[in-house]
Protein backbone atom coordinates (compact mmCIF):
# COMPACT_ATOMS: atom_id res chain seq x y z
CA MET A 1 -53.70 8.35 -23.29
CA GLU A 2 -51.78 11.24 -21.76
CA SER A 3 -47.98 11.03 -21.46
CA PRO A 4 -46.48 11.15 -17.96
CA PRO A 5 -44.36 14.19 -17.03
CA ALA A 6 -40.71 13.85 -18.04
CA ARG A 7 -39.48 13.49 -14.44
CA GLU A 8 -41.91 10.66 -13.70
CA LEU A 9 -40.91 8.92 -16.93
CA LEU A 10 -37.21 9.23 -16.08
CA LEU A 11 -37.77 7.78 -12.60
CA HIS A 12 -39.86 4.98 -14.07
CA GLN A 13 -37.19 4.15 -16.66
CA ARG A 14 -34.44 4.05 -14.02
CA SER A 15 -36.42 1.75 -11.75
CA ALA A 16 -37.52 -0.51 -14.60
CA VAL A 17 -33.99 -1.29 -15.76
CA ASP A 18 -32.63 -4.41 -14.10
CA VAL A 19 -28.89 -3.80 -14.00
CA PRO A 20 -26.89 -6.62 -12.42
CA GLN A 21 -24.31 -5.38 -9.93
CA PRO A 22 -20.72 -6.59 -10.16
CA HIS A 23 -19.30 -8.76 -7.40
CA PHE A 24 -16.16 -7.19 -5.84
CA VAL A 25 -13.50 -9.25 -4.00
CA LYS A 26 -10.35 -7.76 -2.50
CA ILE A 27 -7.05 -8.80 -4.11
CA VAL A 28 -4.49 -9.94 -1.54
CA SER A 29 -1.58 -10.82 -3.88
CA TYR A 30 -0.72 -11.25 -7.53
CA GLN A 31 1.75 -12.97 -9.85
CA LEU A 32 2.59 -11.66 -13.30
CA HIS A 33 3.58 -13.73 -16.37
CA TRP A 34 4.66 -12.49 -19.81
CA ASP A 35 5.66 -14.76 -22.71
CA MET A 36 8.00 -12.68 -24.87
CA THR A 37 7.87 -15.12 -27.80
CA GLN A 38 4.06 -15.19 -27.92
CA ASN A 39 3.61 -11.51 -26.95
CA ALA A 40 0.92 -12.53 -24.46
CA GLY A 41 0.67 -12.85 -20.74
CA ASN A 42 -1.52 -13.14 -17.71
CA ILE A 43 -1.79 -12.13 -14.13
CA HIS A 44 -2.85 -14.50 -11.36
CA LEU A 45 -4.85 -12.78 -8.63
CA ARG A 46 -5.21 -14.34 -5.18
CA LEU A 47 -8.45 -13.04 -3.71
CA ALA A 48 -9.60 -12.55 -0.13
CA ASP A 49 -12.06 -15.45 -0.50
CA ASP A 50 -9.05 -17.80 -1.11
CA SER A 51 -9.79 -18.17 -4.81
CA VAL A 52 -7.30 -17.51 -7.61
CA VAL A 53 -8.36 -15.81 -10.83
CA THR A 54 -6.25 -15.64 -13.99
CA VAL A 55 -6.74 -12.65 -16.27
CA GLU A 56 -5.30 -12.92 -19.79
CA ALA A 57 -3.58 -10.04 -21.60
CA ASP A 58 -2.81 -9.89 -25.31
CA HIS A 59 -0.88 -6.61 -25.08
CA PRO A 60 1.85 -5.48 -22.69
CA GLY A 61 0.06 -2.18 -22.14
CA LYS A 62 -2.78 -3.98 -20.36
CA LEU A 63 -0.36 -5.55 -17.90
CA VAL A 64 1.34 -2.20 -17.30
CA VAL A 65 -1.99 -0.62 -16.31
CA TRP A 66 -2.95 -3.57 -14.08
CA VAL A 67 0.42 -3.70 -12.31
CA ASP A 68 0.39 0.08 -11.81
CA LEU A 69 -2.99 -0.19 -10.13
CA LEU A 70 -1.89 -3.13 -7.97
CA ARG A 71 1.35 -1.46 -6.88
CA ASN A 72 0.08 2.05 -6.25
CA ASP A 73 -3.46 1.72 -4.92
CA THR A 74 -4.87 0.06 -1.86
CA PRO A 75 -7.18 -1.68 -1.56
CA VAL A 76 -7.65 -3.12 -5.05
CA PHE A 77 -10.59 -5.31 -5.99
CA TYR A 78 -11.31 -7.85 -8.72
CA TRP A 79 -14.86 -7.65 -10.02
CA ARG A 80 -17.00 -9.83 -12.26
CA ASN A 81 -20.39 -9.12 -13.76
CA GLY A 82 -21.46 -11.92 -16.06
CA GLU A 83 -18.90 -12.09 -18.87
CA LYS A 84 -17.24 -8.79 -17.92
CA GLU A 85 -14.40 -8.55 -15.40
CA GLY A 86 -11.97 -5.93 -14.22
CA LEU A 87 -9.92 -4.35 -11.46
CA ALA A 88 -11.02 -1.43 -9.31
CA SER A 89 -9.36 0.68 -6.67
CA GLY A 90 -11.00 1.52 -3.39
CA TRP A 91 -12.27 5.03 -2.73
CA GLU A 92 -9.47 7.56 -2.39
CA SER A 93 -9.63 10.98 -0.76
CA LEU A 94 -8.64 14.05 -2.72
CA PRO A 95 -5.60 15.93 -1.44
CA GLU A 96 -6.38 18.63 1.10
CA ALA A 97 -7.04 22.01 -0.52
CA ASP A 98 -4.58 24.74 0.42
CA ASP A 99 -5.79 27.93 2.13
CA HIS A 100 -5.87 29.95 -1.13
CA SER A 101 -8.23 27.61 -2.93
CA GLN A 102 -10.85 28.17 -0.24
CA ASP A 103 -11.23 31.88 -1.10
CA GLY A 104 -11.23 31.43 -4.88
CA GLN A 105 -7.59 32.37 -5.44
CA ALA A 106 -5.08 30.13 -7.15
């Protein structure tokens, strides 16, 4: 049996993979908790569908990243895909390029 061309094989492989898509819900508010004695915390997320999700953190660095995203980006979404979950920002535009960058000069 003859092998299909590489391009056809690549297209076939991409279409054959069943990748579940995450479900995104906009976050409308949040509440942060940190237990200094246990060195653990969580963040409660109130979502646009009126549900509340609690995300656990076992390191303060995780909360710092989450709070930075929540405070500085808009909109922010909570997503879940099976056992995986996370936060995601909405699409953001890049800053406008200045006139010099258009002609290849810095």
